[in-house]
Amino acid sequence: MANQQNNPFFNHAKDLMLGHTWQVKNRSFHFTEIEFYSKSVDGGGDPYTHGHAEQQKSNTWYFHGSGIDITFGDEHTYGGILIRGIKYYDKEGKAHYVSGPIRVATEIFSAIGQTGIQQLNFGLKKLDKPLEGTVYSCPRVGLNPKLNADYANKHYRFVMDICPEHKFAQKELVAKALLESKQLSAKEINPLFRYKIIKE
């Protein structure tokens, strides 16, 4: 895999996706797709960042019209990690994928259940042993490149569990990004997607 040293969010993405689960009552959700957004309070940096006051906090939940963020800001910086995909296992051990930030929010609130006062076990749980898996970087989804083509194409989106069951957005663009950034070769990409998505 290509060296990810120049990606400022790669190690943070690996830590979240491989080292933590999202605990909601008695259910555990794994992160399969996330996007990073960050800019300085004076306006420098990623123009696609909301710049909401909640994003100046760190390690809080920021609920907004596009889904749910985990914040990582401070007094000088707005920062948010948009959760685009999760998976969970049913009682038989089968994996189920939830793709899209609004669907993720819906699944999480469904897991919370009743509206009455209850003891709620909710938040990130650090795993004693990291999960096995590979985290890949690619451009984010749904950004208008006319605002800033450079930031629109930055690899601030991270995915794992690439398979037909995981119906994440813009698979062809992800495959192209993996090839162009030399994270994988075409011979490695096609078996991952289980069809000839890239011409060899």
N, C-alpha and C. Protein backbone atom coordinates (compact mmCIF):
# COMPACT_ATOMS: atom_id res chain seq x y z
N MET A 1 0.85 -1.20 0.00
CA MET A 1 0.00 0.00 0.00
C MET A 1 0.87 1.24 0.00
N ALA A 2 0.39 2.27 -0.66
CA ALA A 2 1.15 3.52 -0.74
C ALA A 2 1.35 4.12 0.65
N ASN A 3 2.42 4.87 0.77
CA ASN A 3 2.72 5.54 2.01
C ASN A 3 1.66 6.60 2.30
N GLN A 4 1.06 6.56 3.49
CA GLN A 4 0.00 7.51 3.85
C GLN A 4 0.52 8.61 4.78
N GLN A 5 1.82 8.78 4.83
CA GLN A 5 2.40 9.75 5.76
C GLN A 5 1.90 11.16 5.53
N ASN A 6 1.61 11.50 4.27
CA ASN A 6 1.18 12.87 3.96
C ASN A 6 -0.30 13.11 4.22
N ASN A 7 -1.03 12.07 4.59
CA ASN A 7 -2.46 12.23 4.89
C ASN A 7 -2.61 12.54 6.37
N PRO A 8 -3.07 13.75 6.71
CA PRO A 8 -3.10 14.15 8.13
C PRO A 8 -4.10 13.37 8.98
N PHE A 9 -5.03 12.65 8.33
CA PHE A 9 -6.08 11.98 9.09
C PHE A 9 -6.00 10.46 9.06
N PHE A 10 -5.01 9.92 8.34
CA PHE A 10 -4.98 8.46 8.15
C PHE A 10 -4.85 7.70 9.47
N ASN A 11 -3.93 8.09 10.30
CA ASN A 11 -3.73 7.37 11.56
C ASN A 11 -4.94 7.50 12.48
N HIS A 12 -5.58 8.68 12.46
CA HIS A 12 -6.78 8.87 13.27
C HIS A 12 -7.92 7.98 12.76
N ALA A 13 -8.01 7.86 11.43
CA ALA A 13 -9.04 7.00 10.84
C ALA A 13 -8.81 5.54 11.22
N LYS A 14 -7.57 5.09 11.14
CA LYS A 14 -7.25 3.71 11.52
C LYS A 14 -7.60 3.44 12.98
N ASP A 15 -7.26 4.39 13.84
CA ASP A 15 -7.54 4.21 15.26
C ASP A 15 -9.03 4.10 15.52
N LEU A 16 -9.82 4.94 14.87
CA LEU A 16 -11.26 4.90 15.08
C LEU A 16 -11.88 3.65 14.48
N MET A 17 -11.49 3.30 13.25
CA MET A 17 -12.15 2.22 12.54
C MET A 17 -11.70 0.83 13.00
N LEU A 18 -10.45 0.71 13.40
CA LEU A 18 -9.92 -0.58 13.84
C LEU A 18 -9.85 -0.72 15.35
N GLY A 19 -9.82 0.40 16.05
CA GLY A 19 -9.59 0.35 17.49
C GLY A 19 -10.80 0.63 18.36
N HIS A 20 -11.95 0.97 17.74
CA HIS A 20 -13.13 1.34 18.53
C HIS A 20 -14.41 0.77 17.91
N THR A 21 -15.41 0.62 18.74
CA THR A 21 -16.76 0.37 18.27
C THR A 21 -17.67 1.44 18.85
N TRP A 22 -18.83 1.57 18.26
CA TRP A 22 -19.85 2.52 18.73
C TRP A 22 -20.88 1.71 19.50
N GLN A 23 -20.89 1.89 20.81
CA GLN A 23 -21.77 1.11 21.67
C GLN A 23 -23.09 1.86 21.86
N VAL A 24 -24.21 1.19 21.58
CA VAL A 24 -25.54 1.76 21.78
C VAL A 24 -26.37 0.72 22.52
N LYS A 25 -26.58 0.96 23.83
CA LYS A 25 -27.23 -0.01 24.70
C LYS A 25 -26.43 -1.32 24.65
N ASN A 26 -27.06 -2.41 24.23
CA ASN A 26 -26.34 -3.69 24.20
C ASN A 26 -25.85 -4.06 22.80
N ARG A 27 -25.82 -3.07 21.90
CA ARG A 27 -25.39 -3.33 20.52
C ARG A 27 -24.07 -2.63 20.21
N SER A 28 -23.27 -3.29 19.38
CA SER A 28 -21.99 -2.72 18.97
C SER A 28 -22.00 -2.50 17.46
N PHE A 29 -21.56 -1.31 17.06
CA PHE A 29 -21.46 -0.97 15.65
C PHE A 29 -20.00 -0.69 15.29
N HIS A 30 -19.59 -1.20 14.15
CA HIS A 30 -18.23 -0.97 13.65
C HIS A 30 -18.28 0.12 12.58
N PHE A 31 -17.26 0.94 12.54
CA PHE A 31 -17.18 2.01 11.54
C PHE A 31 -16.62 1.44 10.23
N THR A 32 -17.34 1.67 9.13
CA THR A 32 -16.88 1.18 7.83
C THR A 32 -16.57 2.32 6.86
N GLU A 33 -17.05 3.52 7.16
CA GLU A 33 -16.82 4.64 6.24
C GLU A 33 -16.96 5.95 7.00
N ILE A 34 -15.94 6.79 6.94
CA ILE A 34 -15.95 8.08 7.64
C ILE A 34 -15.30 9.15 6.77
N GLU A 35 -15.62 10.41 7.04
CA GLU A 35 -15.01 11.54 6.34
C GLU A 35 -14.56 12.59 7.34
N PHE A 36 -13.41 13.19 7.09
CA PHE A 36 -12.86 14.21 7.97
C PHE A 36 -13.06 15.60 7.36
N TYR A 37 -13.38 16.56 8.24
CA TYR A 37 -13.54 17.96 7.86
C TYR A 37 -12.86 18.82 8.92
N SER A 38 -12.05 19.79 8.49
CA SER A 38 -11.36 20.64 9.46
C SER A 38 -10.93 21.95 8.82
N LYS A 39 -11.15 23.04 9.53
CA LYS A 39 -10.62 24.34 9.10
C LYS A 39 -10.37 25.20 10.33
N SER A 40 -9.54 26.22 10.15
CA SER A 40 -9.23 27.10 11.26
C SER A 40 -10.36 28.10 11.46
N VAL A 41 -10.43 28.66 12.65
CA VAL A 41 -11.47 29.63 12.99
C VAL A 41 -11.37 30.87 12.11
N ASP A 42 -10.15 31.22 11.67
CA ASP A 42 -9.98 32.40 10.83
C ASP A 42 -10.33 32.14 9.36
N GLY A 43 -10.79 30.91 9.05
CA GLY A 43 -11.27 30.60 7.71
C GLY A 43 -10.32 29.81 6.85
N GLY A 44 -9.10 29.60 7.28
CA GLY A 44 -8.15 28.82 6.50
C GLY A 44 -8.44 27.34 6.57
N GLY A 45 -8.09 26.61 5.51
CA GLY A 45 -8.28 25.17 5.52
C GLY A 45 -9.47 24.74 4.68
N ASP A 46 -10.07 23.64 5.04
CA ASP A 46 -11.10 22.98 4.25
C ASP A 46 -12.40 23.79 4.22
N PRO A 47 -12.78 24.35 3.06
CA PRO A 47 -13.97 25.19 3.00
C PRO A 47 -15.28 24.40 3.11
N TYR A 48 -15.21 23.07 3.04
CA TYR A 48 -16.41 22.25 3.13
C TYR A 48 -16.80 21.96 4.58
N THR A 49 -15.98 22.39 5.52
CA THR A 49 -16.28 22.21 6.94
C THR A 49 -17.40 23.16 7.35
N HIS A 50 -18.37 22.67 8.12
CA HIS A 50 -19.51 23.49 8.53
C HIS A 50 -19.09 24.76 9.26
N GLY A 51 -18.14 24.62 10.18
CA GLY A 51 -17.76 25.77 11.00
C GLY A 51 -18.77 26.06 12.09
N HIS A 52 -19.46 25.03 12.56
CA HIS A 52 -20.42 25.19 13.66
C HIS A 52 -19.68 25.24 14.99
N ALA A 53 -20.25 25.95 15.95
CA ALA A 53 -19.60 26.08 17.26
C ALA A 53 -19.35 24.73 17.91
N GLU A 54 -20.23 23.75 17.66
CA GLU A 54 -20.03 22.41 18.24
C GLU A 54 -18.74 21.78 17.75
N GLN A 55 -18.31 22.16 16.55
CA GLN A 55 -17.09 21.58 15.98
C GLN A 55 -15.81 22.17 16.57
N GLN A 56 -15.96 23.12 17.49
CA GLN A 56 -14.79 23.64 18.22
C GLN A 56 -14.56 22.85 19.50
N LYS A 57 -15.42 21.88 19.75
CA LYS A 57 -15.25 21.01 20.91
C LYS A 57 -14.55 19.73 20.44
N SER A 58 -14.09 18.95 21.39
CA SER A 58 -13.41 17.70 21.06
C SER A 58 -14.12 16.53 21.72
N ASN A 59 -14.27 15.45 20.95
CA ASN A 59 -14.89 14.22 21.45
C ASN A 59 -16.33 14.42 21.92
N THR A 60 -17.11 15.14 21.10
CA THR A 60 -18.54 15.27 21.37
C THR A 60 -19.31 14.83 20.12
N TRP A 61 -20.60 14.61 20.29
CA TRP A 61 -21.47 14.25 19.16
C TRP A 61 -22.09 15.52 18.60
N TYR A 62 -21.96 15.72 17.31
CA TYR A 62 -22.53 16.88 16.63
C TYR A 62 -23.57 16.37 15.64
N PHE A 63 -24.85 16.59 15.96
CA PHE A 63 -25.96 16.18 15.11
C PHE A 63 -26.33 17.33 14.18
N HIS A 64 -26.45 17.06 12.89
CA HIS A 64 -26.75 18.12 11.92
C HIS A 64 -27.58 17.54 10.78
N GLY A 65 -27.91 18.37 9.81
CA GLY A 65 -28.80 17.95 8.74
C GLY A 65 -28.25 16.88 7.83
N SER A 66 -26.95 16.66 7.87
CA SER A 66 -26.34 15.64 7.01
C SER A 66 -26.00 14.36 7.75
N GLY A 67 -26.19 14.33 9.06
CA GLY A 67 -25.88 13.12 9.82
C GLY A 67 -25.29 13.41 11.18
N ILE A 68 -24.31 12.61 11.57
CA ILE A 68 -23.68 12.69 12.89
C ILE A 68 -22.18 12.79 12.73
N ASP A 69 -21.58 13.76 13.42
CA ASP A 69 -20.11 13.92 13.48
C ASP A 69 -19.59 13.56 14.86
N ILE A 70 -18.35 13.12 14.90
CA ILE A 70 -17.56 13.11 16.13
C ILE A 70 -16.63 14.31 16.01
N THR A 71 -16.67 15.22 16.95
CA THR A 71 -15.89 16.45 16.82
C THR A 71 -14.45 16.28 17.31
N PHE A 72 -13.56 17.12 16.75
CA PHE A 72 -12.17 17.11 17.22
C PHE A 72 -11.57 18.53 17.13
N GLY A 73 -12.38 19.54 17.41
CA GLY A 73 -11.90 20.91 17.32
C GLY A 73 -11.37 21.46 18.62
N ASP A 74 -11.01 22.74 18.58
CA ASP A 74 -10.57 23.46 19.77
C ASP A 74 -10.85 24.95 19.53
N GLU A 75 -10.28 25.80 20.35
CA GLU A 75 -10.58 27.23 20.23
C GLU A 75 -10.09 27.83 18.91
N HIS A 76 -9.14 27.16 18.27
CA HIS A 76 -8.58 27.67 17.01
C HIS A 76 -9.10 26.94 15.78
N THR A 77 -9.76 25.80 15.97
CA THR A 77 -10.07 24.91 14.85
C THR A 77 -11.47 24.32 14.95
N TYR A 78 -12.13 24.22 13.79
CA TYR A 78 -13.37 23.44 13.68
C TYR A 78 -12.98 22.06 13.15
N GLY A 79 -13.51 21.02 13.74
CA GLY A 79 -13.19 19.68 13.25
C GLY A 79 -14.35 18.71 13.46
N GLY A 80 -14.63 17.92 12.43
CA GLY A 80 -15.69 16.92 12.55
C GLY A 80 -15.41 15.70 11.70
N ILE A 81 -15.78 14.54 12.21
CA ILE A 81 -15.68 13.27 11.47
C ILE A 81 -17.10 12.82 11.17
N LEU A 82 -17.51 12.91 9.91
CA LEU A 82 -18.84 12.49 9.51
C LEU A 82 -18.86 10.97 9.39
N ILE A 83 -19.82 10.34 10.06
CA ILE A 83 -19.93 8.88 10.02
C ILE A 83 -20.85 8.49 8.87
N ARG A 84 -20.27 7.93 7.82
CA ARG A 84 -21.00 7.59 6.60
C ARG A 84 -21.43 6.13 6.54
N GLY A 85 -20.78 5.26 7.30
CA GLY A 85 -21.12 3.85 7.22
C GLY A 85 -20.77 3.09 8.48
N ILE A 86 -21.63 2.14 8.85
CA ILE A 86 -21.40 1.28 10.00
C ILE A 86 -21.85 -0.14 9.65
N LYS A 87 -21.43 -1.09 10.47
CA LYS A 87 -21.95 -2.44 10.32
C LYS A 87 -22.18 -3.03 11.71
N TYR A 88 -23.07 -4.01 11.74
CA TYR A 88 -23.33 -4.73 12.98
C TYR A 88 -23.57 -6.19 12.64
N TYR A 89 -23.51 -7.04 13.66
CA TYR A 89 -23.71 -8.47 13.47
C TYR A 89 -25.01 -8.89 14.14
N ASP A 90 -25.79 -9.73 13.44
CA ASP A 90 -27.01 -10.23 14.04
C ASP A 90 -26.69 -11.44 14.94
N LYS A 91 -27.71 -12.04 15.50
CA LYS A 91 -27.50 -13.14 16.46
C LYS A 91 -26.85 -14.36 15.81
N GLU A 92 -27.02 -14.48 14.50
CA GLU A 92 -26.40 -15.60 13.78
C GLU A 92 -24.98 -15.28 13.34
N GLY A 93 -24.51 -14.08 13.62
CA GLY A 93 -23.16 -13.68 13.25
C GLY A 93 -23.02 -13.12 11.86
N LYS A 94 -24.16 -12.85 11.18
CA LYS A 94 -24.11 -12.27 9.84
C LYS A 94 -23.92 -10.77 9.92
N ALA A 95 -23.04 -10.23 9.06
CA ALA A 95 -22.78 -8.79 9.05
C ALA A 95 -23.86 -8.07 8.26
N HIS A 96 -24.32 -6.94 8.80
CA HIS A 96 -25.28 -6.07 8.12
C HIS A 96 -24.66 -4.69 7.99
N TYR A 97 -24.71 -4.12 6.79
CA TYR A 97 -24.10 -2.82 6.52
C TYR A 97 -25.16 -1.73 6.42
N VAL A 98 -24.84 -0.58 7.01
CA VAL A 98 -25.70 0.60 6.92
C VAL A 98 -24.85 1.68 6.25
N SER A 99 -25.25 2.11 5.06
CA SER A 99 -24.45 3.06 4.29
C SER A 99 -25.21 4.36 4.06
N GLY A 100 -24.52 5.47 4.24
CA GLY A 100 -25.13 6.79 4.10
C GLY A 100 -25.34 7.41 5.46
N PRO A 101 -24.93 8.67 5.64
CA PRO A 101 -24.96 9.29 6.97
C PRO A 101 -26.35 9.42 7.58
N ILE A 102 -27.39 9.64 6.78
CA ILE A 102 -28.74 9.73 7.33
C ILE A 102 -29.22 8.35 7.76
N ARG A 103 -28.91 7.33 6.97
CA ARG A 103 -29.28 5.95 7.35
C ARG A 103 -28.56 5.54 8.64
N VAL A 104 -27.31 5.98 8.79
CA VAL A 104 -26.57 5.70 10.01
C VAL A 104 -27.29 6.31 11.22
N ALA A 105 -27.67 7.58 11.10
CA ALA A 105 -28.38 8.25 12.20
C ALA A 105 -29.68 7.54 12.52
N THR A 106 -30.41 7.12 11.49
CA THR A 106 -31.68 6.40 11.70
C THR A 106 -31.45 5.09 12.44
N GLU A 107 -30.41 4.35 12.05
CA GLU A 107 -30.11 3.06 12.69
C GLU A 107 -29.74 3.25 14.16
N ILE A 108 -28.96 4.29 14.44
CA ILE A 108 -28.52 4.53 15.81
C ILE A 108 -29.71 4.89 16.70
N PHE A 109 -30.60 5.76 16.22
CA PHE A 109 -31.76 6.13 17.04
C PHE A 109 -32.73 4.97 17.17
N SER A 110 -32.79 4.10 16.17
CA SER A 110 -33.62 2.90 16.29
C SER A 110 -33.06 1.97 17.37
N ALA A 111 -31.74 1.93 17.48
CA ALA A 111 -31.11 1.09 18.50
C ALA A 111 -31.36 1.63 19.90
N ILE A 112 -31.49 2.95 20.01
CA ILE A 112 -31.80 3.54 21.32
C ILE A 112 -33.19 3.11 21.76
N GLY A 113 -34.14 3.08 20.82
CA GLY A 113 -35.46 2.55 21.12
C GLY A 113 -36.40 3.53 21.79
N GLN A 114 -36.99 3.11 22.88
CA GLN A 114 -38.08 3.83 23.53
C GLN A 114 -37.70 5.26 23.94
N THR A 115 -38.73 6.09 24.06
CA THR A 115 -38.51 7.50 24.39
C THR A 115 -38.43 7.76 25.88
N GLY A 116 -38.83 6.79 26.67
CA GLY A 116 -38.85 6.99 28.12
C GLY A 116 -37.46 7.06 28.72
N ILE A 117 -37.39 7.53 29.97
CA ILE A 117 -36.12 7.60 30.70
C ILE A 117 -35.56 6.19 30.84
N GLN A 118 -34.29 6.04 30.53
CA GLN A 118 -33.66 4.72 30.58
C GLN A 118 -32.17 4.86 30.83
N GLN A 119 -31.59 3.79 31.32
CA GLN A 119 -30.14 3.72 31.45
C GLN A 119 -29.58 3.49 30.05
N LEU A 120 -28.77 4.43 29.57
CA LEU A 120 -28.32 4.36 28.19
C LEU A 120 -26.80 4.19 28.13
N ASN A 121 -26.37 3.05 27.64
CA ASN A 121 -24.96 2.77 27.42
C ASN A 121 -24.63 3.23 26.00
N PHE A 122 -24.03 4.41 25.87
CA PHE A 122 -23.87 5.03 24.56
C PHE A 122 -22.51 5.70 24.46
N GLY A 123 -21.78 5.40 23.39
CA GLY A 123 -20.51 6.09 23.15
C GLY A 123 -19.48 5.19 22.50
N LEU A 124 -18.27 5.72 22.34
CA LEU A 124 -17.18 4.97 21.75
C LEU A 124 -16.58 4.02 22.79
N LYS A 125 -16.32 2.81 22.36
CA LYS A 125 -15.69 1.81 23.23
C LYS A 125 -14.36 1.39 22.61
N LYS A 126 -13.29 1.59 23.35
CA LYS A 126 -11.97 1.21 22.86
C LYS A 126 -11.81 -0.30 22.99
N LEU A 127 -11.38 -0.93 21.92
CA LEU A 127 -11.22 -2.37 21.92
C LEU A 127 -9.90 -2.78 22.57
N ASP A 128 -9.93 -3.89 23.29
CA ASP A 128 -8.70 -4.40 23.91
C ASP A 128 -7.71 -4.84 22.84
N LYS A 129 -8.22 -5.37 21.75
CA LYS A 129 -7.39 -5.81 20.63
C LYS A 129 -7.94 -5.21 19.35
N PRO A 130 -7.12 -4.47 18.59
CA PRO A 130 -7.61 -3.86 17.35
C PRO A 130 -8.16 -4.90 16.38
N LEU A 131 -9.14 -4.49 15.60
CA LEU A 131 -9.70 -5.36 14.57
C LEU A 131 -8.69 -5.58 13.46
N GLU A 132 -8.81 -6.69 12.76
CA GLU A 132 -8.00 -6.92 11.57
C GLU A 132 -8.73 -6.31 10.39
N GLY A 133 -8.02 -5.64 9.53
CA GLY A 133 -8.64 -5.02 8.37
C GLY A 133 -7.73 -3.96 7.78
N THR A 134 -8.09 -3.49 6.61
CA THR A 134 -7.31 -2.47 5.92
C THR A 134 -8.18 -1.24 5.70
N VAL A 135 -7.64 -0.09 6.01
CA VAL A 135 -8.33 1.18 5.81
C VAL A 135 -7.76 1.85 4.57
N TYR A 136 -8.65 2.24 3.66
CA TYR A 136 -8.25 2.88 2.41
C TYR A 136 -8.73 4.32 2.39
N SER A 137 -7.98 5.20 1.75
CA SER A 137 -8.36 6.60 1.64
C SER A 137 -8.79 6.94 0.22
N CYS A 138 -9.71 7.88 0.10
CA CYS A 138 -10.22 8.31 -1.20
C CYS A 138 -10.92 9.66 -1.03
N PRO A 139 -11.31 10.32 -2.13
CA PRO A 139 -12.02 11.60 -2.02
C PRO A 139 -13.39 11.45 -1.36
N ARG A 140 -13.86 12.54 -0.80
CA ARG A 140 -15.15 12.54 -0.12
C ARG A 140 -16.31 12.58 -1.11
N VAL A 141 -17.53 12.44 -0.59
CA VAL A 141 -18.72 12.28 -1.42
C VAL A 141 -19.53 13.58 -1.47
N GLY A 142 -20.05 13.91 -2.66
CA GLY A 142 -21.05 14.96 -2.79
C GLY A 142 -20.56 16.39 -2.64
N LEU A 143 -19.28 16.63 -2.81
CA LEU A 143 -18.76 17.99 -2.68
C LEU A 143 -18.72 18.67 -4.05
N ASN A 144 -19.10 19.92 -4.09
CA ASN A 144 -19.06 20.67 -5.35
C ASN A 144 -17.64 21.15 -5.61
N PRO A 145 -16.97 20.62 -6.63
CA PRO A 145 -15.57 21.00 -6.88
C PRO A 145 -15.39 22.46 -7.27
N LYS A 146 -16.48 23.12 -7.66
CA LYS A 146 -16.37 24.53 -8.04
C LYS A 146 -16.00 25.40 -6.85
N LEU A 147 -16.34 24.95 -5.64
CA LEU A 147 -15.98 25.70 -4.44
C LEU A 147 -14.48 25.65 -4.22
N ASN A 148 -13.89 24.46 -4.30
CA ASN A 148 -12.45 24.32 -4.13
C ASN A 148 -12.05 22.92 -4.61
N ALA A 149 -11.59 22.84 -5.86
CA ALA A 149 -11.28 21.54 -6.47
C ALA A 149 -10.20 20.79 -5.71
N ASP A 150 -9.23 21.52 -5.17
CA ASP A 150 -8.13 20.88 -4.45
C ASP A 150 -8.66 20.13 -3.23
N TYR A 151 -9.46 20.80 -2.41
CA TYR A 151 -9.99 20.13 -1.22
C TYR A 151 -11.05 19.09 -1.57
N ALA A 152 -11.78 19.31 -2.63
CA ALA A 152 -12.80 18.33 -3.04
C ALA A 152 -12.17 16.98 -3.38
N ASN A 153 -10.93 17.02 -3.86
CA ASN A 153 -10.26 15.79 -4.29
C ASN A 153 -9.31 15.20 -3.25
N LYS A 154 -9.17 15.85 -2.11
CA LYS A 154 -8.28 15.31 -1.08
C LYS A 154 -8.84 13.99 -0.53
N HIS A 155 -7.93 13.12 -0.14
CA HIS A 155 -8.31 11.80 0.36
C HIS A 155 -8.66 11.87 1.85
N TYR A 156 -9.78 12.51 2.14
CA TYR A 156 -10.23 12.66 3.52
C TYR A 156 -11.40 11.75 3.84
N ARG A 157 -11.70 10.83 2.93
CA ARG A 157 -12.72 9.80 3.15
C ARG A 157 -12.00 8.47 3.33
N PHE A 158 -12.46 7.68 4.29
CA PHE A 158 -11.81 6.41 4.59
C PHE A 158 -12.84 5.30 4.60
N VAL A 159 -12.52 4.20 3.93
CA VAL A 159 -13.43 3.07 3.84
C VAL A 159 -12.70 1.78 4.17
N MET A 160 -13.45 0.80 4.62
CA MET A 160 -12.95 -0.55 4.79
C MET A 160 -14.10 -1.52 4.54
N ASP A 161 -13.81 -2.79 4.55
CA ASP A 161 -14.81 -3.81 4.23
C ASP A 161 -15.39 -3.57 2.84
N ILE A 162 -14.53 -3.45 1.85
CA ILE A 162 -15.00 -3.28 0.48
C ILE A 162 -15.50 -4.64 -0.03
N CYS A 163 -16.79 -4.73 -0.27
CA CYS A 163 -17.41 -5.97 -0.72
C CYS A 163 -18.80 -5.63 -1.27
N PRO A 164 -19.40 -6.52 -2.04
CA PRO A 164 -20.74 -6.23 -2.59
C PRO A 164 -21.79 -5.94 -1.53
N GLU A 165 -21.66 -6.52 -0.36
CA GLU A 165 -22.65 -6.30 0.70
C GLU A 165 -22.58 -4.89 1.27
N HIS A 166 -21.43 -4.26 1.14
CA HIS A 166 -21.24 -2.90 1.65
C HIS A 166 -21.51 -1.93 0.49
N LYS A 167 -22.70 -1.37 0.45
CA LYS A 167 -23.14 -0.57 -0.70
C LYS A 167 -22.81 0.92 -0.49
N PHE A 168 -21.53 1.22 -0.32
CA PHE A 168 -21.15 2.61 -0.11
C PHE A 168 -21.18 3.37 -1.43
N ALA A 169 -21.22 4.69 -1.34
CA ALA A 169 -21.41 5.54 -2.52
C ALA A 169 -20.17 5.61 -3.41
N GLN A 170 -20.41 5.71 -4.70
CA GLN A 170 -19.38 5.99 -5.70
C GLN A 170 -18.23 4.98 -5.67
N LYS A 171 -18.58 3.70 -5.77
CA LYS A 171 -17.56 2.65 -5.73
C LYS A 171 -16.53 2.80 -6.85
N GLU A 172 -16.99 3.20 -8.04
CA GLU A 172 -16.07 3.34 -9.17
C GLU A 172 -15.01 4.41 -8.89
N LEU A 173 -15.44 5.52 -8.28
CA LEU A 173 -14.49 6.58 -7.95
C LEU A 173 -13.51 6.13 -6.86
N VAL A 174 -14.00 5.31 -5.94
CA VAL A 174 -13.11 4.77 -4.90
C VAL A 174 -12.05 3.88 -5.55
N ALA A 175 -12.47 2.99 -6.43
CA ALA A 175 -11.53 2.10 -7.11
C ALA A 175 -10.49 2.90 -7.90
N LYS A 176 -10.94 3.92 -8.61
CA LYS A 176 -10.03 4.77 -9.39
C LYS A 176 -9.04 5.47 -8.47
N ALA A 177 -9.51 5.95 -7.32
CA ALA A 177 -8.62 6.63 -6.37
C ALA A 177 -7.58 5.68 -5.81
N LEU A 178 -7.98 4.44 -5.52
CA LEU A 178 -7.04 3.46 -5.00
C LEU A 178 -5.94 3.16 -6.02
N LEU A 179 -6.33 3.13 -7.29
CA LEU A 179 -5.37 2.85 -8.36
C LEU A 179 -4.44 4.04 -8.58
N GLU A 180 -5.01 5.25 -8.71
CA GLU A 180 -4.21 6.43 -9.01
C GLU A 180 -3.27 6.81 -7.87
N SER A 181 -3.68 6.55 -6.63
CA SER A 181 -2.83 6.87 -5.48
C SER A 181 -1.86 5.73 -5.15
N LYS A 182 -1.93 4.66 -5.95
CA LYS A 182 -1.04 3.50 -5.81
C LYS A 182 -1.20 2.80 -4.47
N GLN A 183 -2.39 2.89 -3.90
CA GLN A 183 -2.66 2.10 -2.70
C GLN A 183 -2.79 0.63 -3.06
N LEU A 184 -3.36 0.38 -4.26
CA LEU A 184 -3.51 -0.99 -4.75
C LEU A 184 -3.34 -0.99 -6.27
N SER A 185 -3.01 -2.15 -6.82
CA SER A 185 -2.95 -2.31 -8.27
C SER A 185 -4.31 -2.79 -8.77
N ALA A 186 -4.53 -2.73 -10.09
CA ALA A 186 -5.78 -3.20 -10.67
C ALA A 186 -6.01 -4.68 -10.34
N LYS A 187 -4.93 -5.47 -10.33
CA LYS A 187 -5.06 -6.90 -10.02
C LYS A 187 -5.48 -7.13 -8.57
N GLU A 188 -5.19 -6.17 -7.72
CA GLU A 188 -5.60 -6.27 -6.31
C GLU A 188 -6.99 -5.69 -6.10
N ILE A 189 -7.33 -4.65 -6.87
CA ILE A 189 -8.61 -3.96 -6.69
C ILE A 189 -9.79 -4.82 -7.14
N ASN A 190 -9.69 -5.45 -8.29
CA ASN A 190 -10.82 -6.19 -8.84
C ASN A 190 -11.29 -7.34 -7.94
N PRO A 191 -10.39 -8.15 -7.39
CA PRO A 191 -10.85 -9.19 -6.46
C PRO A 191 -11.50 -8.60 -5.20
N LEU A 192 -11.04 -7.43 -4.81
CA LEU A 192 -11.59 -6.79 -3.62
C LEU A 192 -13.06 -6.43 -3.84
N PHE A 193 -13.36 -5.90 -5.03
CA PHE A 193 -14.73 -5.53 -5.36
C PHE A 193 -15.54 -6.71 -5.91
N ARG A 194 -14.83 -7.79 -6.25
CA ARG A 194 -15.41 -9.03 -6.74
C ARG A 194 -16.02 -8.89 -8.14
N TYR A 195 -15.60 -7.91 -8.87
CA TYR A 195 -15.92 -7.82 -10.30
C TYR A 195 -14.89 -6.90 -10.94
N LYS A 196 -14.84 -6.89 -12.27
CA LYS A 196 -13.80 -6.14 -12.98
C LYS A 196 -14.17 -4.66 -13.04
N ILE A 197 -13.92 -3.98 -11.93
CA ILE A 197 -14.26 -2.55 -11.84
C ILE A 197 -13.19 -1.68 -12.48
N ILE A 198 -11.96 -2.22 -12.58
CA ILE A 198 -10.83 -1.51 -13.22
C ILE A 198 -10.29 -2.40 -14.34
N LYS A 199 -10.05 -1.80 -15.50
CA LYS A 199 -9.44 -2.56 -16.60
C LYS A 199 -7.98 -2.82 -16.29
N GLU A 200 -7.58 -4.06 -16.41
CA GLU A 200 -6.18 -4.43 -16.12
C GLU A 200 -5.32 -4.28 -17.36
